[in-house]
Amino acid sequence: AQSIIDRFNAELIGMVADRSYHRLLQLDWIQADVD
């Protein structure tokens, strides 16, 4: 269980950086802490 959550958490920033969030939320611009 903890491994699943840890790996999921680590994947989130990458999804912002590669614009997966934009595509899935259907947004043009988002604000998020990528660095």
ModelCIF file with pLDDT and N, C-alpha, C, O atoms, coordinates in Angstrom:
data_MODEL
#
_entry.id   MODEL 
#
_entity.id                         1 
_entity.type                       polymer 
_entity.pdbx_number_of_molecules   1 
#
_entity_poly.entity_id                      1 
_entity_poly.type                           'polypeptide(L)' 
_entity_poly.nstd_linkage                   no 
_entity_poly.nstd_monomer                   no 
_entity_poly.pdbx_seq_one_letter_code       AQSIIDRFNAELIGMVADRSYHRLLQLDWIQADVD 
_entity_poly.pdbx_seq_one_letter_code_can   AQSIIDRFNAELIGMVADRSYHRLLQLDWIQADVD 
_entity_poly.pdbx_strand_id                 A 
#
loop_
_entity_poly_seq.entity_id 
_entity_poly_seq.num 
_entity_poly_seq.mon_id 
_entity_poly_seq.hetero 
1 1  ALA n 
1 2  GLN n 
1 3  SER n 
1 4  ILE n 
1 5  ILE n 
1 6  ASP n 
1 7  ARG n 
1 8  PHE n 
1 9  ASN n 
1 10 ALA n 
1 11 GLU n 
1 12 LEU n 
1 13 ILE n 
1 14 GLY n 
1 15 MET n 
1 16 VAL n 
1 17 ALA n 
1 18 ASP n 
1 19 ARG n 
1 20 SER n 
1 21 TYR n 
1 22 HIS n 
1 23 ARG n 
1 24 LEU n 
1 25 LEU n 
1 26 GLN n 
1 27 LEU n 
1 28 ASP n 
1 29 TRP n 
1 30 ILE n 
1 31 GLN n 
1 32 ALA n 
1 33 ASP n 
1 34 VAL n 
1 35 ASP n 
#
_struct_asym.id          A 
_struct_asym.entity_id   1 
#
loop_
_ma_qa_metric.id 
_ma_qa_metric.mode 
_ma_qa_metric.name 
_ma_qa_metric.software_group_id 
_ma_qa_metric.type 
1 global pLDDT . pLDDT 
2 local  pLDDT . pLDDT 
#
_ma_qa_metric_global.metric_id      1 
_ma_qa_metric_global.metric_value   92.69 
_ma_qa_metric_global.model_id       1 
_ma_qa_metric_global.ordinal_id     1 
#
loop_
_ma_qa_metric_local.label_asym_id 
_ma_qa_metric_local.label_comp_id 
_ma_qa_metric_local.label_seq_id 
_ma_qa_metric_local.metric_id 
_ma_qa_metric_local.metric_value 
_ma_qa_metric_local.model_id 
_ma_qa_metric_local.ordinal_id 
A ALA 1  2 96.00 1 1  
A GLN 2  2 97.00 1 2  
A SER 3  2 96.00 1 3  
A ILE 4  2 97.00 1 4  
A ILE 5  2 97.00 1 5  
A ASP 6  2 97.00 1 6  
A ARG 7  2 97.00 1 7  
A PHE 8  2 97.00 1 8  
A ASN 9  2 96.00 1 9  
A ALA 10 2 95.00 1 10 
A GLU 11 2 96.00 1 11 
A LEU 12 2 94.00 1 12 
A ILE 13 2 89.00 1 13 
A GLY 14 2 92.00 1 14 
A MET 15 2 94.00 1 15 
A VAL 16 2 91.00 1 16 
A ALA 17 2 91.00 1 17 
A ASP 18 2 92.00 1 18 
A ARG 19 2 92.00 1 19 
A SER 20 2 92.00 1 20 
A TYR 21 2 93.00 1 21 
A HIS 22 2 91.00 1 22 
A ARG 23 2 89.00 1 23 
A LEU 24 2 90.00 1 24 
A LEU 25 2 89.00 1 25 
A GLN 26 2 87.00 1 26 
A LEU 27 2 89.00 1 27 
A ASP 28 2 90.00 1 28 
A TRP 29 2 93.00 1 29 
A ILE 30 2 93.00 1 30 
A GLN 31 2 93.00 1 31 
A ALA 32 2 91.00 1 32 
A ASP 33 2 90.00 1 33 
A VAL 34 2 90.00 1 34 
A ASP 35 2 88.00 1 35 
#
loop_
_atom_site.group_PDB 
_atom_site.id 
_atom_site.type_symbol 
_atom_site.label_atom_id 
_atom_site.label_alt_id 
_atom_site.label_comp_id 
_atom_site.label_asym_id 
_atom_site.label_entity_id 
_atom_site.label_seq_id 
_atom_site.pdbx_PDB_ins_code 
_atom_site.Cartn_x 
_atom_site.Cartn_y 
_atom_site.Cartn_z 
_atom_site.occupancy 
_atom_site.B_iso_or_equiv 
_atom_site.pdbx_formal_charge 
_atom_site.auth_seq_id 
_atom_site.auth_comp_id 
_atom_site.auth_asym_id 
_atom_site.auth_atom_id 
_atom_site.pdbx_PDB_model_num 
ATOM 1   N N  . ALA A 1 1  ? 0.819  -1.212 0.000   1.00 96.00 ? 1  ALA A N  1 
ATOM 2   C CA . ALA A 1 1  ? 0.000  0.000  0.000   1.00 96.00 ? 1  ALA A CA 1 
ATOM 3   C C  . ALA A 1 1  ? 0.854  1.264  0.000   1.00 96.00 ? 1  ALA A C  1 
ATOM 4   O O  . ALA A 1 1  ? 0.611  2.178  -0.787  1.00 96.00 ? 1  ALA A O  1 
ATOM 5   N N  . GLN A 1 2  ? 1.856  1.317  0.884   1.00 97.00 ? 2  GLN A N  1 
ATOM 6   C CA . GLN A 1 2  ? 2.680  2.524  0.969   1.00 97.00 ? 2  GLN A CA 1 
ATOM 7   C C  . GLN A 1 2  ? 3.477  2.732  -0.306  1.00 97.00 ? 2  GLN A C  1 
ATOM 8   O O  . GLN A 1 2  ? 3.664  3.868  -0.740  1.00 97.00 ? 2  GLN A O  1 
ATOM 9   N N  . SER A 1 3  ? 3.948  1.651  -0.911  1.00 96.00 ? 3  SER A N  1 
ATOM 10  C CA . SER A 1 3  ? 4.692  1.760  -2.168  1.00 96.00 ? 3  SER A CA 1 
ATOM 11  C C  . SER A 1 3  ? 3.821  2.335  -3.277  1.00 96.00 ? 3  SER A C  1 
ATOM 12  O O  . SER A 1 3  ? 4.278  3.161  -4.067  1.00 96.00 ? 3  SER A O  1 
ATOM 13  N N  . ILE A 1 4  ? 2.563  1.897  -3.336  1.00 97.00 ? 4  ILE A N  1 
ATOM 14  C CA . ILE A 1 4  ? 1.641  2.424  -4.343  1.00 97.00 ? 4  ILE A CA 1 
ATOM 15  C C  . ILE A 1 4  ? 1.497  3.933  -4.181  1.00 97.00 ? 4  ILE A C  1 
ATOM 16  O O  . ILE A 1 4  ? 1.591  4.684  -5.151  1.00 97.00 ? 4  ILE A O  1 
ATOM 17  N N  . ILE A 1 5  ? 1.269  4.367  -2.944  1.00 97.00 ? 5  ILE A N  1 
ATOM 18  C CA . ILE A 1 5  ? 1.074  5.795  -2.689  1.00 97.00 ? 5  ILE A CA 1 
ATOM 19  C C  . ILE A 1 5  ? 2.346  6.576  -2.993  1.00 97.00 ? 5  ILE A C  1 
ATOM 20  O O  . ILE A 1 5  ? 2.277  7.649  -3.591  1.00 97.00 ? 5  ILE A O  1 
ATOM 21  N N  . ASP A 1 6  ? 3.501  6.060  -2.595  1.00 97.00 ? 6  ASP A N  1 
ATOM 22  C CA . ASP A 1 6  ? 4.763  6.768  -2.830  1.00 97.00 ? 6  ASP A CA 1 
ATOM 23  C C  . ASP A 1 6  ? 5.030  6.932  -4.325  1.00 97.00 ? 6  ASP A C  1 
ATOM 24  O O  . ASP A 1 6  ? 5.438  8.003  -4.774  1.00 97.00 ? 6  ASP A O  1 
ATOM 25  N N  . ARG A 1 7  ? 4.800  5.866  -5.095  1.00 97.00 ? 7  ARG A N  1 
ATOM 26  C CA . ARG A 1 7  ? 5.046  5.937  -6.531  1.00 97.00 ? 7  ARG A CA 1 
ATOM 27  C C  . ARG A 1 7  ? 4.034  6.855  -7.218  1.00 97.00 ? 7  ARG A C  1 
ATOM 28  O O  . ARG A 1 7  ? 4.379  7.576  -8.154  1.00 97.00 ? 7  ARG A O  1 
ATOM 29  N N  . PHE A 1 8  ? 2.789  6.825  -6.751  1.00 97.00 ? 8  PHE A N  1 
ATOM 30  C CA . PHE A 1 8  ? 1.769  7.727  -7.284  1.00 97.00 ? 8  PHE A CA 1 
ATOM 31  C C  . PHE A 1 8  ? 2.161  9.179  -7.030  1.00 97.00 ? 8  PHE A C  1 
ATOM 32  O O  . PHE A 1 8  ? 2.098  10.006 -7.940  1.00 97.00 ? 8  PHE A O  1 
ATOM 33  N N  . ASN A 1 9  ? 2.563  9.492  -5.802  1.00 96.00 ? 9  ASN A N  1 
ATOM 34  C CA . ASN A 1 9  ? 2.974  10.858 -5.469  1.00 96.00 ? 9  ASN A CA 1 
ATOM 35  C C  . ASN A 1 9  ? 4.105  11.332 -6.371  1.00 96.00 ? 9  ASN A C  1 
ATOM 36  O O  . ASN A 1 9  ? 4.092  12.464 -6.855  1.00 96.00 ? 9  ASN A O  1 
ATOM 37  N N  . ALA A 1 10 ? 5.086  10.457 -6.592  1.00 95.00 ? 10 ALA A N  1 
ATOM 38  C CA . ALA A 1 10 ? 6.250  10.826 -7.402  1.00 95.00 ? 10 ALA A CA 1 
ATOM 39  C C  . ALA A 1 10 ? 5.876  11.085 -8.850  1.00 95.00 ? 10 ALA A C  1 
ATOM 40  O O  . ALA A 1 10 ? 6.568  11.831 -9.543  1.00 95.00 ? 10 ALA A O  1 
ATOM 41  N N  . GLU A 1 11 ? 4.804  10.487 -9.312  1.00 96.00 ? 11 GLU A N  1 
ATOM 42  C CA . GLU A 1 11 ? 4.411  10.613 -10.714 1.00 96.00 ? 11 GLU A CA 1 
ATOM 43  C C  . GLU A 1 11 ? 3.687  11.920 -11.012 1.00 96.00 ? 11 GLU A C  1 
ATOM 44  O O  . GLU A 1 11 ? 3.640  12.347 -12.166 1.00 96.00 ? 11 GLU A O  1 
ATOM 45  N N  . LEU A 1 12 ? 3.122  12.565 -9.988  1.00 94.00 ? 12 LEU A N  1 
ATOM 46  C CA . LEU A 1 12 ? 2.255  13.718 -10.208 1.00 94.00 ? 12 LEU A CA 1 
ATOM 47  C C  . LEU A 1 12 ? 2.972  14.899 -10.857 1.00 94.00 ? 12 LEU A C  1 
ATOM 48  O O  . LEU A 1 12 ? 2.448  15.493 -11.799 1.00 94.00 ? 12 LEU A O  1 
ATOM 49  N N  . ILE A 1 13 ? 4.167  15.250 -10.364 1.00 89.00 ? 13 ILE A N  1 
ATOM 50  C CA . ILE A 1 13 ? 4.877  16.396 -10.927 1.00 89.00 ? 13 ILE A CA 1 
ATOM 51  C C  . ILE A 1 13 ? 5.210  16.156 -12.391 1.00 89.00 ? 13 ILE A C  1 
ATOM 52  O O  . ILE A 1 13 ? 5.110  17.071 -13.208 1.00 89.00 ? 13 ILE A O  1 
ATOM 53  N N  . GLY A 1 14 ? 5.601  14.941 -12.728 1.00 92.00 ? 14 GLY A N  1 
ATOM 54  C CA . GLY A 1 14 ? 5.886  14.625 -14.118 1.00 92.00 ? 14 GLY A CA 1 
ATOM 55  C C  . GLY A 1 14 ? 4.673  14.814 -15.006 1.00 92.00 ? 14 GLY A C  1 
ATOM 56  O O  . GLY A 1 14 ? 4.811  15.189 -16.170 1.00 92.00 ? 14 GLY A O  1 
ATOM 57  N N  . MET A 1 15 ? 3.493  14.561 -14.476 1.00 94.00 ? 15 MET A N  1 
ATOM 58  C CA . MET A 1 15 ? 2.278  14.724 -15.259 1.00 94.00 ? 15 MET A CA 1 
ATOM 59  C C  . MET A 1 15 ? 1.925  16.191 -15.470 1.00 94.00 ? 15 MET A C  1 
ATOM 60  O O  . MET A 1 15 ? 1.302  16.543 -16.471 1.00 94.00 ? 15 MET A O  1 
ATOM 61  N N  . VAL A 1 16 ? 2.321  17.045 -14.531 1.00 91.00 ? 16 VAL A N  1 
ATOM 62  C CA . VAL A 1 16 ? 2.163  18.482 -14.746 1.00 91.00 ? 16 VAL A CA 1 
ATOM 63  C C  . VAL A 1 16 ? 3.149  18.949 -15.807 1.00 91.00 ? 16 VAL A C  1 
ATOM 64  O O  . VAL A 1 16 ? 2.788  19.683 -16.727 1.00 91.00 ? 16 VAL A O  1 
ATOM 65  N N  . ALA A 1 17 ? 4.396  18.516 -15.670 1.00 91.00 ? 17 ALA A N  1 
ATOM 66  C CA . ALA A 1 17 ? 5.447  18.979 -16.572 1.00 91.00 ? 17 ALA A CA 1 
ATOM 67  C C  . ALA A 1 17 ? 5.226  18.528 -18.006 1.00 91.00 ? 17 ALA A C  1 
ATOM 68  O O  . ALA A 1 17 ? 5.532  19.273 -18.937 1.00 91.00 ? 17 ALA A O  1 
ATOM 69  N N  . ASP A 1 18 ? 4.702  17.325 -18.204 1.00 92.00 ? 18 ASP A N  1 
ATOM 70  C CA . ASP A 1 18 ? 4.506  16.866 -19.585 1.00 92.00 ? 18 ASP A CA 1 
ATOM 71  C C  . ASP A 1 18 ? 3.098  17.167 -20.097 1.00 92.00 ? 18 ASP A C  1 
ATOM 72  O O  . ASP A 1 18 ? 2.700  16.668 -21.149 1.00 92.00 ? 18 ASP A O  1 
ATOM 73  N N  . ARG A 1 19 ? 2.355  17.971 -19.366 1.00 92.00 ? 19 ARG A N  1 
ATOM 74  C CA . ARG A 1 19 ? 1.038  18.482 -19.764 1.00 92.00 ? 19 ARG A CA 1 
ATOM 75  C C  . ARG A 1 19 ? -0.078 17.448 -19.718 1.00 92.00 ? 19 ARG A C  1 
ATOM 76  O O  . ARG A 1 19 ? -1.143 17.672 -20.293 1.00 92.00 ? 19 ARG A O  1 
ATOM 77  N N  . SER A 1 20 ? 0.139  16.325 -19.050 1.00 92.00 ? 20 SER A N  1 
ATOM 78  C CA . SER A 1 20 ? -0.942 15.362 -18.896 1.00 92.00 ? 20 SER A CA 1 
ATOM 79  C C  . SER A 1 20 ? -2.109 15.977 -18.124 1.00 92.00 ? 20 SER A C  1 
ATOM 80  O O  . SER A 1 20 ? -3.269 15.718 -18.444 1.00 92.00 ? 20 SER A O  1 
ATOM 81  N N  . TYR A 1 21 ? -1.808 16.786 -17.115 1.00 93.00 ? 21 TYR A N  1 
ATOM 82  C CA . TYR A 1 21 ? -2.869 17.453 -16.358 1.00 93.00 ? 21 TYR A CA 1 
ATOM 83  C C  . TYR A 1 21 ? -3.739 18.302 -17.275 1.00 93.00 ? 21 TYR A C  1 
ATOM 84  O O  . TYR A 1 21 ? -4.966 18.257 -17.191 1.00 93.00 ? 21 TYR A O  1 
ATOM 85  N N  . HIS A 1 22 ? -3.099 19.078 -18.153 1.00 91.00 ? 22 HIS A N  1 
ATOM 86  C CA . HIS A 1 22 ? -3.855 19.944 -19.056 1.00 91.00 ? 22 HIS A CA 1 
ATOM 87  C C  . HIS A 1 22 ? -4.831 19.133 -19.901 1.00 91.00 ? 22 HIS A C  1 
ATOM 88  O O  . HIS A 1 22 ? -6.007 19.470 -20.032 1.00 91.00 ? 22 HIS A O  1 
ATOM 89  N N  . ARG A 1 23 ? -4.301 18.057 -20.467 1.00 89.00 ? 23 ARG A N  1 
ATOM 90  C CA . ARG A 1 23 ? -5.128 17.236 -21.355 1.00 89.00 ? 23 ARG A CA 1 
ATOM 91  C C  . ARG A 1 23 ? -6.289 16.602 -20.594 1.00 89.00 ? 23 ARG A C  1 
ATOM 92  O O  . ARG A 1 23 ? -7.424 16.602 -21.072 1.00 89.00 ? 23 ARG A O  1 
ATOM 93  N N  . LEU A 1 24 ? -6.003 16.062 -19.408 1.00 90.00 ? 24 LEU A N  1 
ATOM 94  C CA . LEU A 1 24 ? -7.023 15.348 -18.664 1.00 90.00 ? 24 LEU A CA 1 
ATOM 95  C C  . LEU A 1 24 ? -8.047 16.291 -18.034 1.00 90.00 ? 24 LEU A C  1 
ATOM 96  O O  . LEU A 1 24 ? -9.217 15.930 -17.909 1.00 90.00 ? 24 LEU A O  1 
ATOM 97  N N  . LEU A 1 25 ? -7.626 17.490 -17.638 1.00 89.00 ? 25 LEU A N  1 
ATOM 98  C CA . LEU A 1 25 ? -8.542 18.464 -17.059 1.00 89.00 ? 25 LEU A CA 1 
ATOM 99  C C  . LEU A 1 25 ? -9.102 19.414 -18.110 1.00 89.00 ? 25 LEU A C  1 
ATOM 100 O O  . LEU A 1 25 ? -9.968 20.235 -17.807 1.00 89.00 ? 25 LEU A O  1 
ATOM 101 N N  . GLN A 1 26 ? -8.613 19.308 -19.347 1.00 87.00 ? 26 GLN A N  1 
ATOM 102 C CA . GLN A 1 26 ? -9.059 20.140 -20.468 1.00 87.00 ? 26 GLN A CA 1 
ATOM 103 C C  . GLN A 1 26 ? -8.872 21.622 -20.165 1.00 87.00 ? 26 GLN A C  1 
ATOM 104 O O  . GLN A 1 26 ? -9.805 22.421 -20.257 1.00 87.00 ? 26 GLN A O  1 
ATOM 105 N N  . LEU A 1 27 ? -7.628 21.966 -19.797 1.00 89.00 ? 27 LEU A N  1 
ATOM 106 C CA . LEU A 1 27 ? -7.271 23.341 -19.465 1.00 89.00 ? 27 LEU A CA 1 
ATOM 107 C C  . LEU A 1 27 ? -6.127 23.814 -20.350 1.00 89.00 ? 27 LEU A C  1 
ATOM 108 O O  . LEU A 1 27 ? -5.301 23.014 -20.791 1.00 89.00 ? 27 LEU A O  1 
ATOM 109 N N  . ASP A 1 28 ? -6.082 25.119 -20.608 1.00 90.00 ? 28 ASP A N  1 
ATOM 110 C CA . ASP A 1 28 ? -4.998 25.691 -21.404 1.00 90.00 ? 28 ASP A CA 1 
ATOM 111 C C  . ASP A 1 28 ? -3.790 26.071 -20.549 1.00 90.00 ? 28 ASP A C  1 
ATOM 112 O O  . ASP A 1 28 ? -2.648 25.838 -20.945 1.00 90.00 ? 28 ASP A O  1 
ATOM 113 N N  . TRP A 1 29 ? -4.040 26.653 -19.384 1.00 93.00 ? 29 TRP A N  1 
ATOM 114 C CA . TRP A 1 29 ? -2.970 27.064 -18.467 1.00 93.00 ? 29 TRP A CA 1 
ATOM 115 C C  . TRP A 1 29 ? -3.302 26.571 -17.068 1.00 93.00 ? 29 TRP A C  1 
ATOM 116 O O  . TRP A 1 29 ? -4.447 26.662 -16.625 1.00 93.00 ? 29 TRP A O  1 
ATOM 117 N N  . ILE A 1 30 ? -2.307 26.052 -16.381 1.00 93.00 ? 30 ILE A N  1 
ATOM 118 C CA . ILE A 1 30 ? -2.462 25.747 -14.961 1.00 93.00 ? 30 ILE A CA 1 
ATOM 119 C C  . ILE A 1 30 ? -1.296 26.365 -14.203 1.00 93.00 ? 30 ILE A C  1 
ATOM 120 O O  . ILE A 1 30 ? -0.250 26.664 -14.778 1.00 93.00 ? 30 ILE A O  1 
ATOM 121 N N  . GLN A 1 31 ? -1.495 26.547 -12.917 1.00 93.00 ? 31 GLN A N  1 
ATOM 122 C CA . GLN A 1 31 ? -0.416 26.981 -12.031 1.00 93.00 ? 31 GLN A CA 1 
ATOM 123 C C  . GLN A 1 31 ? -0.099 25.843 -11.063 1.00 93.00 ? 31 GLN A C  1 
ATOM 124 O O  . GLN A 1 31 ? -0.977 25.350 -10.355 1.00 93.00 ? 31 GLN A O  1 
ATOM 125 N N  . ALA A 1 32 ? 1.161  25.438 -11.046 1.00 91.00 ? 32 ALA A N  1 
ATOM 126 C CA . ALA A 1 32 ? 1.597  24.358 -10.163 1.00 91.00 ? 32 ALA A CA 1 
ATOM 127 C C  . ALA A 1 32 ? 3.090  24.509 -9.916  1.00 91.00 ? 32 ALA A C  1 
ATOM 128 O O  . ALA A 1 32 ? 3.810  25.092 -10.726 1.00 91.00 ? 32 ALA A O  1 
ATOM 129 N N  . ASP A 1 33 ? 3.541  23.980 -8.797  1.00 90.00 ? 33 ASP A N  1 
ATOM 130 C CA . ASP A 1 33 ? 4.957  24.067 -8.432  1.00 90.00 ? 33 ASP A CA 1 
ATOM 131 C C  . ASP A 1 33 ? 5.726  22.921 -9.092  1.00 90.00 ? 33 ASP A C  1 
ATOM 132 O O  . ASP A 1 33 ? 5.785  21.820 -8.543  1.00 90.00 ? 33 ASP A O  1 
ATOM 133 N N  . VAL A 1 34 ? 6.314  23.169 -10.264 1.00 90.00 ? 34 VAL A N  1 
ATOM 134 C CA . VAL A 1 34 ? 7.017  22.110 -10.984 1.00 90.00 ? 34 VAL A CA 1 
ATOM 135 C C  . VAL A 1 34 ? 8.493  22.014 -10.611 1.00 90.00 ? 34 VAL A C  1 
ATOM 136 O O  . VAL A 1 34 ? 9.123  20.991 -10.879 1.00 90.00 ? 34 VAL A O  1 
ATOM 137 N N  . ASP A 1 35 ? 9.058  23.052 -10.001 1.00 88.00 ? 35 ASP A N  1 
ATOM 138 C CA . ASP A 1 35 ? 10.484 23.010 -9.667  1.00 88.00 ? 35 ASP A CA 1 
ATOM 139 C C  . ASP A 1 35 ? 10.743 22.820 -8.172  1.00 88.00 ? 35 ASP A C  1 
ATOM 140 O O  . ASP A 1 35 ? 11.897 22.766 -7.748  1.00 88.00 ? 35 ASP A O  1 
#
